[in-house]
N, C-alpha and C. Protein backbone atom coordinates (compact mmCIF):
# COMPACT_ATOMS: atom_id res chain seq x y z
N MET A 1 32.97 -57.20 -36.22
CA MET A 1 33.82 -58.35 -36.76
C MET A 1 33.23 -59.66 -36.17
N LYS A 2 32.30 -59.55 -35.05
CA LYS A 2 31.90 -60.87 -34.58
C LYS A 2 31.16 -61.71 -35.59
N ASP A 3 30.46 -61.04 -36.47
CA ASP A 3 29.75 -61.84 -37.54
C ASP A 3 30.66 -62.58 -38.44
N LEU A 4 31.88 -62.11 -38.44
CA LEU A 4 32.85 -62.79 -39.41
C LEU A 4 33.93 -63.67 -38.71
N GLU A 5 33.60 -63.90 -37.32
CA GLU A 5 34.62 -64.61 -36.65
C GLU A 5 34.76 -66.13 -37.07
N HIS A 6 33.69 -66.80 -37.49
CA HIS A 6 33.80 -68.09 -38.19
C HIS A 6 34.52 -68.09 -39.43
N PHE A 7 34.45 -66.98 -40.24
CA PHE A 7 35.30 -66.91 -41.46
C PHE A 7 36.71 -66.70 -41.21
N PHE A 8 37.05 -65.79 -40.32
CA PHE A 8 38.50 -65.48 -40.10
C PHE A 8 39.20 -66.50 -39.01
N ASN A 9 38.37 -67.03 -38.14
CA ASN A 9 38.84 -67.95 -37.19
C ASN A 9 38.04 -69.21 -37.02
N PRO A 10 37.83 -69.95 -38.09
CA PRO A 10 37.01 -71.04 -37.98
C PRO A 10 37.55 -72.27 -37.14
N LYS A 11 36.58 -72.99 -36.60
CA LYS A 11 37.05 -74.13 -35.59
C LYS A 11 37.26 -75.43 -36.60
N SER A 12 36.79 -75.27 -37.90
CA SER A 12 36.94 -76.45 -38.83
C SER A 12 36.85 -75.80 -40.16
N ILE A 13 37.76 -76.48 -41.07
CA ILE A 13 37.88 -75.97 -42.41
C ILE A 13 37.72 -77.23 -43.36
N LEU A 14 36.98 -76.94 -44.34
CA LEU A 14 36.88 -78.05 -45.46
C LEU A 14 37.54 -77.39 -46.65
N ILE A 15 38.43 -78.23 -47.29
CA ILE A 15 39.04 -77.85 -48.55
C ILE A 15 38.46 -78.79 -49.56
N ILE A 16 37.85 -78.20 -50.66
CA ILE A 16 37.35 -79.03 -51.77
C ILE A 16 38.28 -78.74 -53.00
N GLY A 17 38.88 -79.84 -53.35
CA GLY A 17 39.79 -79.72 -54.51
C GLY A 17 41.20 -79.67 -54.11
N ALA A 18 41.62 -80.08 -52.80
CA ALA A 18 42.91 -80.24 -52.35
C ALA A 18 43.63 -81.25 -53.25
N SER A 19 44.87 -80.99 -53.56
CA SER A 19 45.64 -81.87 -54.56
C SER A 19 46.86 -82.42 -53.82
N ARG A 20 47.26 -83.49 -54.38
CA ARG A 20 48.64 -84.10 -53.94
C ARG A 20 49.79 -83.59 -54.78
N LYS A 21 49.47 -82.90 -55.83
CA LYS A 21 50.40 -82.31 -56.77
C LYS A 21 51.05 -81.05 -56.04
N GLU A 22 52.36 -81.13 -55.83
CA GLU A 22 53.24 -80.18 -55.21
C GLU A 22 53.19 -78.82 -55.87
N PHE A 23 53.33 -77.70 -55.31
CA PHE A 23 53.60 -76.43 -55.91
C PHE A 23 52.36 -75.94 -56.69
N THR A 24 51.15 -76.49 -56.36
CA THR A 24 49.95 -75.99 -56.94
C THR A 24 49.17 -75.27 -55.84
N PHE A 25 48.31 -74.38 -56.26
CA PHE A 25 47.46 -73.59 -55.28
C PHE A 25 46.64 -74.74 -54.59
N ASN A 26 46.24 -75.78 -55.24
CA ASN A 26 45.25 -76.72 -54.68
C ASN A 26 46.02 -77.36 -53.41
N SER A 27 47.32 -77.44 -53.49
CA SER A 27 48.14 -78.25 -52.34
C SER A 27 48.63 -77.20 -51.40
N THR A 28 48.82 -75.96 -51.74
CA THR A 28 49.45 -74.99 -50.89
C THR A 28 48.49 -74.57 -49.71
N ILE A 29 47.24 -74.45 -49.98
CA ILE A 29 46.41 -74.17 -48.93
C ILE A 29 46.46 -75.21 -47.80
N LEU A 30 46.43 -76.43 -48.04
CA LEU A 30 46.53 -77.44 -47.01
C LEU A 30 47.91 -77.41 -46.40
N LYS A 31 48.89 -77.32 -47.14
CA LYS A 31 50.17 -77.27 -46.62
C LYS A 31 50.47 -76.09 -45.72
N ASN A 32 49.89 -75.03 -46.10
CA ASN A 32 50.06 -73.77 -45.16
C ASN A 32 49.28 -73.99 -43.90
N LEU A 33 48.20 -74.52 -43.97
CA LEU A 33 47.35 -74.67 -42.72
C LEU A 33 48.26 -75.71 -41.85
N LEU A 34 48.88 -76.66 -42.29
CA LEU A 34 49.68 -77.65 -41.50
C LEU A 34 50.91 -76.99 -41.01
N GLU A 35 51.57 -76.21 -41.83
CA GLU A 35 52.77 -75.51 -41.33
C GLU A 35 52.48 -74.47 -40.26
N ILE A 36 51.37 -73.76 -40.22
CA ILE A 36 51.15 -72.83 -39.03
C ILE A 36 50.57 -73.50 -37.98
N PHE A 37 50.42 -74.80 -37.97
CA PHE A 37 49.83 -75.68 -36.78
C PHE A 37 48.34 -75.19 -36.50
N TYR A 38 47.64 -75.02 -37.53
CA TYR A 38 46.21 -74.66 -37.45
C TYR A 38 45.56 -75.69 -36.42
N ARG A 39 44.83 -75.20 -35.53
CA ARG A 39 44.42 -75.91 -34.27
C ARG A 39 43.01 -76.56 -34.56
N GLY A 40 42.35 -76.01 -35.55
CA GLY A 40 40.97 -76.68 -35.78
C GLY A 40 41.14 -77.91 -36.58
N LYS A 41 39.87 -78.39 -36.90
CA LYS A 41 39.85 -79.62 -37.67
C LYS A 41 39.94 -79.31 -39.24
N ILE A 42 40.65 -80.17 -39.97
CA ILE A 42 40.75 -79.97 -41.42
C ILE A 42 40.05 -81.07 -42.05
N TYR A 43 39.23 -80.88 -42.98
CA TYR A 43 38.60 -81.97 -43.75
C TYR A 43 38.86 -81.58 -45.26
N ILE A 44 38.91 -82.67 -45.88
CA ILE A 44 39.19 -82.59 -47.41
C ILE A 44 38.19 -83.53 -48.07
N VAL A 45 37.58 -82.92 -49.23
CA VAL A 45 36.75 -83.64 -50.08
C VAL A 45 37.52 -83.83 -51.53
N ASN A 46 37.92 -85.05 -51.73
CA ASN A 46 38.53 -85.34 -53.09
C ASN A 46 38.30 -86.78 -53.27
N PRO A 47 37.48 -87.13 -54.22
CA PRO A 47 37.09 -88.61 -54.38
C PRO A 47 38.21 -89.40 -54.97
N ASN A 48 39.36 -88.67 -55.39
CA ASN A 48 40.42 -89.36 -56.00
C ASN A 48 41.63 -89.67 -55.05
N ALA A 49 41.42 -89.34 -53.78
CA ALA A 49 42.54 -89.45 -52.75
C ALA A 49 41.96 -90.00 -51.53
N SER A 50 42.73 -90.97 -50.71
CA SER A 50 42.12 -91.38 -49.42
C SER A 50 42.74 -90.49 -48.38
N GLU A 51 43.93 -89.77 -48.67
CA GLU A 51 44.44 -88.86 -47.75
C GLU A 51 45.57 -87.94 -48.56
N ILE A 52 45.70 -86.66 -48.09
CA ILE A 52 46.63 -85.79 -48.69
C ILE A 52 47.27 -85.15 -47.56
N LEU A 53 48.73 -85.23 -47.61
CA LEU A 53 49.58 -84.67 -46.62
C LEU A 53 49.23 -85.17 -45.23
N GLY A 54 48.78 -86.48 -45.15
CA GLY A 54 48.36 -87.02 -43.87
C GLY A 54 47.07 -86.64 -43.37
N VAL A 55 46.24 -85.87 -44.12
CA VAL A 55 44.81 -85.58 -43.63
C VAL A 55 43.98 -86.49 -44.47
N LYS A 56 43.03 -87.07 -43.79
CA LYS A 56 42.10 -88.00 -44.50
C LYS A 56 41.16 -87.22 -45.43
N SER A 57 41.08 -87.83 -46.57
CA SER A 57 40.20 -87.24 -47.60
C SER A 57 38.85 -88.01 -47.83
N TYR A 58 37.82 -87.37 -47.80
CA TYR A 58 36.45 -88.06 -48.00
C TYR A 58 35.98 -87.82 -49.38
N ALA A 59 35.29 -88.99 -49.81
CA ALA A 59 34.88 -89.05 -51.28
C ALA A 59 33.77 -88.06 -51.55
N ALA A 60 32.88 -87.83 -50.54
CA ALA A 60 31.74 -86.92 -50.76
C ALA A 60 31.40 -86.02 -49.50
N LEU A 61 30.83 -85.01 -49.70
CA LEU A 61 30.51 -84.07 -48.61
C LEU A 61 29.72 -84.83 -47.45
N GLU A 62 28.87 -85.61 -47.95
CA GLU A 62 27.94 -86.29 -47.06
C GLU A 62 28.68 -87.37 -46.05
N GLU A 63 29.86 -87.64 -46.34
CA GLU A 63 30.63 -88.42 -45.50
C GLU A 63 31.33 -87.73 -44.41
N LEU A 64 31.39 -86.45 -44.33
CA LEU A 64 32.04 -85.70 -43.19
C LEU A 64 31.39 -85.90 -41.95
N PRO A 65 32.08 -85.95 -40.79
CA PRO A 65 31.56 -86.26 -39.56
C PRO A 65 30.92 -85.07 -38.88
N GLU A 66 31.07 -83.77 -39.49
CA GLU A 66 30.37 -82.65 -39.04
C GLU A 66 30.27 -81.67 -40.12
N ILE A 67 29.53 -80.58 -40.00
CA ILE A 67 29.41 -79.56 -40.86
C ILE A 67 30.59 -78.59 -40.49
N PRO A 68 31.44 -78.32 -41.44
CA PRO A 68 32.60 -77.46 -41.12
C PRO A 68 32.10 -75.91 -41.11
N GLU A 69 32.79 -75.08 -40.35
CA GLU A 69 32.41 -73.73 -40.24
C GLU A 69 32.72 -73.00 -41.50
N LEU A 70 33.85 -73.37 -42.22
CA LEU A 70 34.35 -72.68 -43.39
C LEU A 70 34.74 -73.70 -44.44
N ALA A 71 34.27 -73.47 -45.79
CA ALA A 71 34.63 -74.40 -46.84
C ALA A 71 35.46 -73.45 -47.77
N VAL A 72 36.52 -74.01 -48.30
CA VAL A 72 37.45 -73.36 -49.26
C VAL A 72 37.39 -74.15 -50.60
N ILE A 73 36.89 -73.58 -51.68
CA ILE A 73 36.78 -74.23 -52.90
C ILE A 73 38.04 -73.87 -53.74
N VAL A 74 38.77 -74.80 -54.15
CA VAL A 74 39.82 -74.67 -55.08
C VAL A 74 39.71 -75.47 -56.30
N LEU A 75 38.61 -75.39 -56.98
CA LEU A 75 38.32 -76.05 -58.23
C LEU A 75 38.08 -75.09 -59.27
N GLY A 76 38.27 -75.39 -60.46
CA GLY A 76 37.84 -74.54 -61.67
C GLY A 76 36.48 -74.88 -62.18
N LYS A 77 36.03 -76.15 -61.88
CA LYS A 77 34.75 -76.49 -62.42
C LYS A 77 33.70 -76.63 -61.32
N GLN A 78 32.54 -76.69 -61.71
CA GLN A 78 31.29 -77.00 -60.91
C GLN A 78 31.25 -76.14 -59.60
N VAL A 79 31.81 -74.88 -59.70
CA VAL A 79 31.86 -74.02 -58.42
C VAL A 79 30.36 -73.71 -58.08
N VAL A 80 29.59 -73.34 -58.98
CA VAL A 80 28.19 -72.92 -58.73
C VAL A 80 27.51 -74.11 -57.91
N GLU A 81 27.57 -75.31 -58.50
CA GLU A 81 26.99 -76.51 -57.99
C GLU A 81 27.43 -76.84 -56.63
N ILE A 82 28.80 -76.65 -56.45
CA ILE A 82 29.35 -77.00 -55.09
C ILE A 82 28.81 -75.94 -54.16
N VAL A 83 28.80 -74.68 -54.49
CA VAL A 83 28.32 -73.72 -53.45
C VAL A 83 26.88 -74.10 -53.08
N GLU A 84 26.08 -74.34 -54.00
CA GLU A 84 24.73 -74.66 -53.77
C GLU A 84 24.66 -75.98 -52.85
N LYS A 85 25.44 -76.95 -53.05
CA LYS A 85 25.49 -78.17 -52.25
C LYS A 85 25.92 -77.83 -50.87
N LEU A 86 26.97 -76.97 -50.75
CA LEU A 86 27.51 -76.60 -49.39
C LEU A 86 26.45 -75.83 -48.63
N GLY A 87 25.72 -75.07 -49.27
CA GLY A 87 24.54 -74.33 -48.68
C GLY A 87 23.52 -75.23 -48.04
N LYS A 88 23.16 -76.26 -48.84
CA LYS A 88 22.15 -77.18 -48.40
C LYS A 88 22.64 -78.05 -47.42
N PHE A 89 23.93 -78.31 -47.40
CA PHE A 89 24.64 -79.15 -46.30
C PHE A 89 24.69 -78.33 -44.93
N GLY A 90 24.67 -76.99 -45.03
CA GLY A 90 24.62 -76.21 -43.78
C GLY A 90 25.85 -75.34 -43.52
N VAL A 91 26.75 -75.36 -44.57
CA VAL A 91 28.11 -74.61 -44.41
C VAL A 91 27.64 -73.03 -44.68
N LYS A 92 28.13 -72.35 -43.71
CA LYS A 92 27.63 -70.84 -43.83
C LYS A 92 28.64 -69.86 -44.40
N TYR A 93 29.91 -70.36 -44.34
CA TYR A 93 31.02 -69.49 -44.82
C TYR A 93 31.74 -70.21 -45.84
N ILE A 94 32.04 -69.56 -47.02
CA ILE A 94 32.63 -70.19 -48.16
C ILE A 94 33.69 -69.30 -48.75
N ALA A 95 34.86 -69.68 -48.98
CA ALA A 95 35.85 -68.97 -49.76
C ALA A 95 36.13 -69.66 -51.14
N ILE A 96 36.16 -68.91 -52.12
CA ILE A 96 36.33 -69.47 -53.46
C ILE A 96 37.69 -69.07 -54.04
N GLN A 97 38.50 -69.88 -54.34
CA GLN A 97 39.73 -69.59 -55.03
C GLN A 97 39.68 -70.32 -56.41
N SER A 98 38.99 -69.62 -57.45
CA SER A 98 38.70 -70.52 -58.62
C SER A 98 38.37 -69.57 -59.77
N GLU A 99 38.38 -70.04 -60.98
CA GLU A 99 38.00 -69.34 -62.10
C GLU A 99 36.58 -69.91 -62.48
N LEU A 100 35.59 -68.92 -62.67
CA LEU A 100 34.28 -69.28 -63.12
C LEU A 100 34.27 -69.19 -64.54
N LYS A 101 34.03 -70.29 -65.20
CA LYS A 101 33.95 -70.25 -66.60
C LYS A 101 32.54 -70.48 -67.26
N THR A 102 31.58 -70.38 -66.32
CA THR A 102 30.18 -70.55 -66.76
C THR A 102 29.46 -69.38 -67.15
N GLY A 103 30.08 -68.13 -66.83
CA GLY A 103 29.40 -66.99 -66.98
C GLY A 103 28.35 -66.54 -66.04
N VAL A 104 28.23 -67.42 -64.99
CA VAL A 104 27.42 -67.24 -63.87
C VAL A 104 28.05 -66.34 -62.77
N MET A 105 27.33 -65.28 -62.31
CA MET A 105 27.95 -64.53 -61.22
C MET A 105 27.40 -64.98 -59.86
N ILE A 106 28.22 -64.91 -58.91
CA ILE A 106 27.81 -65.47 -57.52
C ILE A 106 27.74 -64.10 -56.66
């Protein structure tokens, strides 16, 4: 399990697609992390928000102050492109909660 330590117990989490809309999966992930008092750093990439639930939101991946250990993608579009970009950025662990409509398998 040591190889999966960063996946199950990350020191930092990036959420791509977090939303301000209540009662959506996109907002529930962040809300749950805050409610369980997650001790690591939480980053959000959403170009349409400056903050969500009190957590600063970055407009682009390149603006993050560090490479997060785990990225969670909660978008329905551009998943393949986002995964490729995260890999180039240096993110090693990615969780996807999304619908792939491109016909591409990951």
